[in-house]
C-alpha atoms as a PDB file:
ATOM      1  CA  MET A   1      11.811 -18.300   3.303  1.00  0.00           C
ATOM      2  CA  ARG A   2      14.783 -19.150   1.123  1.00  0.00           C
ATOM      3  CA  VAL A   3      15.147 -17.590  -2.313  1.00  0.00           C
ATOM      4  CA  LEU A   4      17.308 -19.361  -4.834  1.00  0.00           C
ATOM      5  CA  ARG A   5      18.523 -18.159  -8.176  1.00  0.00           C
ATOM      6  CA  ILE A   6      18.530 -21.014 -10.658  1.00  0.00           C
ATOM      7  CA  LYS A   7      21.067 -20.853 -13.437  1.00  0.00           C
ATOM      8  CA  ARG A   8      21.050 -23.303 -16.351  1.00  0.00           C
ATOM      9  CA  VAL A   9      24.435 -24.273 -17.673  1.00  0.00           C
ATOM     10  CA  LYS A  10      24.837 -26.197 -20.959  1.00  0.00           C
ATOM     11  CA  THR A  11      27.035 -29.234 -20.625  1.00  0.00           C
ATOM     12  CA  SER A  12      28.051 -31.995 -23.004  1.00  0.00           C
ATOM     13  CA  ILE A  13      26.730 -35.448 -22.165  1.00  0.00           C
ATOM     14  CA  LYS A  14      28.134 -38.233 -24.373  1.00  0.00           C
ATOM     15  CA  GLY A  15      28.116 -36.133 -27.485  1.00  0.00           C
ATOM     16  CA  GLY A  16      24.715 -34.544 -26.750  1.00  0.00           C
ATOM     17  CA  VAL A  17      23.801 -31.298 -25.107  1.00  0.00           C
ATOM     18  CA  GLY A  18      22.106 -31.454 -21.705  1.00  0.00           C
ATOM     19  CA  SER A  19      21.337 -29.086 -18.854  1.00  0.00           C
ATOM     20  CA  GLN A  20      22.789 -28.965 -15.417  1.00  0.00           C
ATOM     21  CA  ILE A  21      21.150 -26.833 -12.739  1.00  0.00           C
ATOM     22  CA  ASN A  22      23.318 -24.837 -10.318  1.00  0.00           C
ATOM     23  CA  CYS A  23      21.557 -23.209  -7.377  1.00  0.00           C
ATOM     24  CA  GLU A  24      23.144 -20.378  -5.515  1.00  0.00           C
ATOM     25  CA  SER A  25      21.578 -18.847  -2.434  1.00  0.00           C
ATOM     26  CA  LEU A  26      21.268 -15.105  -2.593  1.00  0.00           C
ATOM     27  CA  GLU A  27      21.676 -14.097   1.026  1.00  0.00           C
ATOM     28  CA  SER A  28      20.616 -10.470   0.550  1.00  0.00           C
ATOM     29  CA  GLU A  29      17.447 -11.441  -1.344  1.00  0.00           C
ATOM     30  CA  ARG A  30      16.580 -14.075   1.204  1.00  0.00           C
ATOM     31  CA  ARG A  31      15.964 -11.552   3.984  1.00  0.00           C
ATOM     32  CA  MET A  32      12.752  -9.627   3.567  1.00  0.00           C
ATOM     33  CA  ARG A  33      11.496  -6.719   5.681  1.00  0.00           C
ATOM     34  CA  GLU A  34       8.056  -5.134   5.822  1.00  0.00           C
ATOM     35  CA  PHE A  35       8.001  -1.427   4.964  1.00  0.00           C
ATOM     36  CA  LEU A  36       5.372   1.259   4.543  1.00  0.00           C
ATOM     37  CA  ARG A  37       4.485   1.432   0.840  1.00  0.00           C
ATOM     38  CA  SER A  38       1.628   3.953   0.837  1.00  0.00           C
ATOM     39  CA  LYS A  39      -0.105   6.234   3.318  1.00  0.00           C
ATOM     40  CA  ILE A  40      -3.166   8.478   3.191  1.00  0.00           C
ATOM     41  CA  HIS A  41      -2.771  10.757   6.214  1.00  0.00           C
ATOM     42  CA  ASN A  42      -5.465  12.773   8.005  1.00  0.00           C
ATOM     43  CA  ALA A  43      -8.478  11.551   5.995  1.00  0.00           C
ATOM     44  CA  VAL A  44     -11.870  12.522   7.432  1.00  0.00           C
ATOM     45  CA  VAL A  45     -14.465   9.733   7.490  1.00  0.00           C
ATOM     46  CA  THR A  46     -17.589  10.902   5.648  1.00  0.00           C
ATOM     47  CA  LYS A  47     -19.845   7.895   6.391  1.00  0.00           C
ATOM     48  CA  ALA A  48     -19.990   4.862   8.706  1.00  0.00           C
ATOM     49  CA  ASP A  49     -22.316   2.010   7.668  1.00  0.00           C
ATOM     50  CA  LEU A  50     -22.720  -0.935  10.066  1.00  0.00           C
ATOM     51  CA  ASP A  51     -24.926  -2.835   7.602  1.00  0.00           C
ATOM     52  CA  TYR A  52     -22.307  -3.040   4.852  1.00  0.00           C
ATOM     53  CA  GLU A  53     -20.255  -6.243   4.534  1.00  0.00           C
ATOM     54  CA  GLY A  54     -16.972  -4.680   5.589  1.00  0.00           C
ATOM     55  CA  SER A  55     -13.987  -2.744   4.288  1.00  0.00           C
ATOM     56  CA  ILE A  56     -13.115   0.916   3.934  1.00  0.00           C
ATOM     57  CA  GLY A  57     -14.325   2.885   0.920  1.00  0.00           C
ATOM     58  CA  ILE A  58     -11.824   5.406  -0.448  1.00  0.00           C
ATOM     59  CA  ASP A  59     -12.137   8.032  -3.186  1.00  0.00           C
ATOM     60  CA  ALA A  60     -10.552   6.533  -6.360  1.00  0.00           C
ATOM     61  CA  ALA A  61      -8.331   9.607  -6.866  1.00  0.00           C
ATOM     62  CA  LEU A  62      -6.833   9.059  -3.401  1.00  0.00           C
ATOM     63  CA  LEU A  63      -6.323   5.344  -4.057  1.00  0.00           C
ATOM     64  CA  ASP A  64      -4.555   6.190  -7.312  1.00  0.00           C
ATOM     65  CA  GLY A  65      -2.409   8.914  -5.716  1.00  0.00           C
ATOM     66  CA  ALA A  66      -1.314   6.532  -2.964  1.00  0.00           C
ATOM     67  CA  ALA A  67      -0.894   3.556  -5.354  1.00  0.00           C
ATOM     68  CA  ILE A  68      -3.386   1.430  -3.402  1.00  0.00           C
ATOM     69  CA  LYS A  69      -5.447  -0.994  -5.494  1.00  0.00           C
ATOM     70  CA  PRO A  70      -9.104  -1.908  -4.882  1.00  0.00           C
ATOM     71  CA  TYR A  71      -9.351  -4.936  -2.546  1.00  0.00           C
ATOM     72  CA  GLU A  72      -5.775  -4.446  -1.345  1.00  0.00           C
ATOM     73  CA  SER A  73      -5.170  -5.026   2.356  1.00  0.00           C
ATOM     74  CA  VAL A  74      -4.829  -1.800   4.358  1.00  0.00           C
ATOM     75  CA  GLU A  75      -4.430  -0.853   7.986  1.00  0.00           C
ATOM     76  CA  VAL A  76      -6.500   1.999   9.366  1.00  0.00           C
ATOM     77  CA  TYR A  77      -5.379   4.034  12.365  1.00  0.00           C
ATOM     78  CA  ASN A  78      -8.046   6.234  13.956  1.00  0.00           C
ATOM     79  CA  ILE A  79      -6.409   9.507  14.999  1.00  0.00           C
ATOM     80  CA  SER A  80      -9.572  10.550  16.842  1.00  0.00           C
ATOM     81  CA  ASN A  81      -9.837   7.596  19.253  1.00  0.00           C
ATOM     82  CA  GLY A  82      -6.687   5.455  18.875  1.00  0.00           C
ATOM     83  CA  GLU A  83      -8.423   2.388  17.386  1.00  0.00           C
ATOM     84  CA  ARG A  84      -6.522   0.365  14.776  1.00  0.00           C
ATOM     85  CA  LEU A  85      -7.777  -2.265  12.340  1.00  0.00           C
ATOM     86  CA  ARG A  86      -6.932  -4.172   9.200  1.00  0.00           C
ATOM     87  CA  THR A  87      -9.365  -4.395   6.280  1.00  0.00           C
ATOM     88  CA  TYR A  88      -9.331  -3.921   2.502  1.00  0.00           C
ATOM     89  CA  ALA A  89      -9.875  -0.931   0.242  1.00  0.00           C
ATOM     90  CA  ILE A  90     -12.980  -0.424  -1.889  1.00  0.00           C
ATOM     91  CA  GLU A  91     -12.952   2.162  -4.672  1.00  0.00           C
ATOM     92  CA  LEU A  92     -15.465   5.035  -4.387  1.00  0.00           C
ATOM     93  CA  PRO A  93     -16.173   7.622  -7.129  1.00  0.00           C
ATOM     94  CA  SER A  94     -13.121   9.679  -8.102  1.00  0.00           C
ATOM     95  CA  GLY A  95     -13.152  13.248  -6.816  1.00  0.00           C
ATOM     96  CA  SER A  96     -15.975  12.559  -4.354  1.00  0.00           C
ATOM     97  CA  GLY A  97     -13.780  13.081  -1.288  1.00  0.00           C
ATOM     98  CA  ARG A  98     -15.556  10.152   0.344  1.00  0.00           C
ATOM     99  CA  ILE A  99     -13.964   7.932   2.991  1.00  0.00           C
ATOM    100  CA  GLU A 100     -16.408   5.353   4.385  1.00  0.00           C
ATOM    101  CA  SER A 101     -15.995   2.770   7.141  1.00  0.00           C
ATOM    102  CA  ASN A 102     -18.177  -0.272   6.607  1.00  0.00           C
ATOM    103  CA  GLY A 103     -19.380  -3.274   8.572  1.00  0.00           C
ATOM    104  CA  ALA A 104     -17.654  -4.035  11.873  1.00  0.00           C
ATOM    105  CA  ALA A 105     -15.148  -1.229  11.193  1.00  0.00           C
ATOM    106  CA  ALA A 106     -18.005   1.274  11.636  1.00  0.00           C
ATOM    107  CA  HIS A 107     -17.972   0.429  15.373  1.00  0.00           C
ATOM    108  CA  LEU A 108     -14.371   1.653  15.576  1.00  0.00           C
ATOM    109  CA  ILE A 109     -14.349   4.381  12.928  1.00  0.00           C
ATOM    110  CA  ARG A 110     -17.251   6.831  12.941  1.00  0.00           C
ATOM    111  CA  CYS A 111     -18.326   9.670  10.689  1.00  0.00           C
ATOM    112  CA  GLY A 112     -16.116  12.714  11.309  1.00  0.00           C
ATOM    113  CA  ASP A 113     -13.165  10.715  12.700  1.00  0.00           C
ATOM    114  CA  ARG A 114      -9.717  11.486  11.304  1.00  0.00           C
ATOM    115  CA  VAL A 115      -7.789   8.411  10.117  1.00  0.00           C
ATOM    116  CA  ILE A 116      -4.527   7.243   8.577  1.00  0.00           C
ATOM    117  CA  ILE A 117      -4.793   4.532   5.898  1.00  0.00           C
ATOM    118  CA  ALA A 118      -1.580   2.577   5.310  1.00  0.00           C
ATOM    119  CA  ALA A 119      -0.471  -0.211   2.964  1.00  0.00           C
ATOM    120  CA  TYR A 120       2.708  -2.207   3.499  1.00  0.00           C
ATOM    121  CA  SER A 121       4.886  -4.448   1.356  1.00  0.00           C
ATOM    122  CA  TRP A 122       7.723  -6.895   1.898  1.00  0.00           C
ATOM    123  CA  ILE A 123      10.971  -5.888   0.226  1.00  0.00           C
ATOM    124  CA  SER A 124      14.390  -7.467   0.019  1.00  0.00           C
ATOM    125  CA  GLU A 125      17.504  -6.039   1.645  1.00  0.00           C
ATOM    126  CA  THR A 126      18.755  -4.969  -1.790  1.00  0.00           C
ATOM    127  CA  GLU A 127      15.598  -2.886  -2.415  1.00  0.00           C
ATOM    128  CA  ILE A 128      15.645  -0.959   0.875  1.00  0.00           C
ATOM    129  CA  GLU A 129      18.068   1.732  -0.294  1.00  0.00           C
ATOM    130  CA  HIS A 130      15.778   2.705  -3.180  1.00  0.00           C
ATOM    131  CA  HIS A 131      12.430   2.263  -1.389  1.00  0.00           C
ATOM    132  CA  LYS A 132      10.261   5.405  -1.388  1.00  0.00           C
ATOM    133  CA  PRO A 133       6.766   5.177   0.095  1.00  0.00           C
ATOM    134  CA  LYS A 134       4.001   7.347  -1.361  1.00  0.00           C
ATOM    135  CA  VAL A 135       2.387   9.637   1.211  1.00  0.00           C
ATOM    136  CA  LEU A 136      -0.700  11.819   0.746  1.00  0.00           C
ATOM    137  CA  ILE A 137      -1.495  14.498   3.338  1.00  0.00           C
ATOM    138  CA  LEU A 138      -5.167  15.492   3.155  1.00  0.00           C
ATOM    139  CA  GLY A 139      -6.986  18.686   4.050  1.00  0.00           C
ATOM    140  CA  PRO A 140     -10.270  18.785   6.014  1.00  0.00           C
ATOM    141  CA  ASP A 141     -12.297  18.170   2.824  1.00  0.00           C
ATOM    142  CA  ASN A 142     -10.169  15.104   1.906  1.00  0.00           C
ATOM    143  CA  SER A 143      -8.422  16.958  -0.906  1.00  0.00           C
ATOM    144  CA  ILE A 144      -4.687  16.393  -1.297  1.00  0.00           C
ATOM    145  CA  LYS A 145      -2.747  19.149   0.494  1.00  0.00           C
ATOM    146  CA  ASN A 146       0.704  17.614   0.010  1.00  0.00           C
ATOM    147  CA  GLN A 147       2.086  14.546  -1.715  1.00  0.00           C
ATOM    148  CA  PHE A 148       5.452  12.950  -0.962  1.00  0.00           C
ATOM    149  CA  GLU A 149       7.497  10.111  -2.358  1.00  0.00           C
ATOM    150  CA  GLY A 150       9.955   9.097   0.314  1.00  0.00           C
ATOM    151  CA  ALA A 151      11.095  12.313   1.970  1.00  0.00           C
ATOM    152  CA  THR A 152      10.638  14.374  -1.209  1.00  0.00           C
ATOM    153  CA  GLN A 153       7.594  16.590  -1.663  1.00  0.00           C
ATOM    154  CA  LEU A 154       6.205  16.299  -5.181  1.00  0.00           C
ATOM    155  CA  SER A 155       5.051  19.303  -7.183  1.00  0.00           C
ATOM    156  CA  SER A 156       1.468  19.274  -8.473  1.00  0.00           C
ATOM    157  CA  THR A 157       2.849  18.389 -11.945  1.00  0.00           C
ATOM    158  CA  GLN A 158       4.834  15.415 -10.588  1.00  0.00           C
ATOM    159  CA  ALA A 159       1.818  14.329  -8.532  1.00  0.00           C
ATOM    160  CA  GLY A 160      -0.283  14.116 -11.663  1.00  0.00           C
ATOM    161  CA  GLY A 161      -2.153  17.344 -10.940  1.00  0.00           C
ATOM    162  CA  LEU A 162      -3.832  15.887  -7.836  1.00  0.00           C
END
């Protein structure tokens, strides 16, 4: 993928004003890398429903804390059995502590399994230095034990009281 910055320059054309387009390749913006953007670590699955159409349901407070949007693509890593899958997030009631695997995912992720839910994003070389993924570490009841941004642990005030 090539990213170009387009710059309009005013030029005179036979007494009138026209536009000339100059394109310059921005080498550092052209290279993109995929990085972890958000992670919910050590979540306990509270329900597995084979008859649902698919996805993983996640407590809205956890989605918000990890900056994951409903219907966003996520990867799920099952700590309990090593299975890995890609699906999308569905918002469940805030504060419920619910994590639910649905549809085909329920074959790989069962009630009581511990999982990691991760979202990734593509960033340019110039953004890498300032990139700080959001990480939630959950307790056994799916409450937030610790919250980090990059390598920095956030206080409960910085974490929005979560």
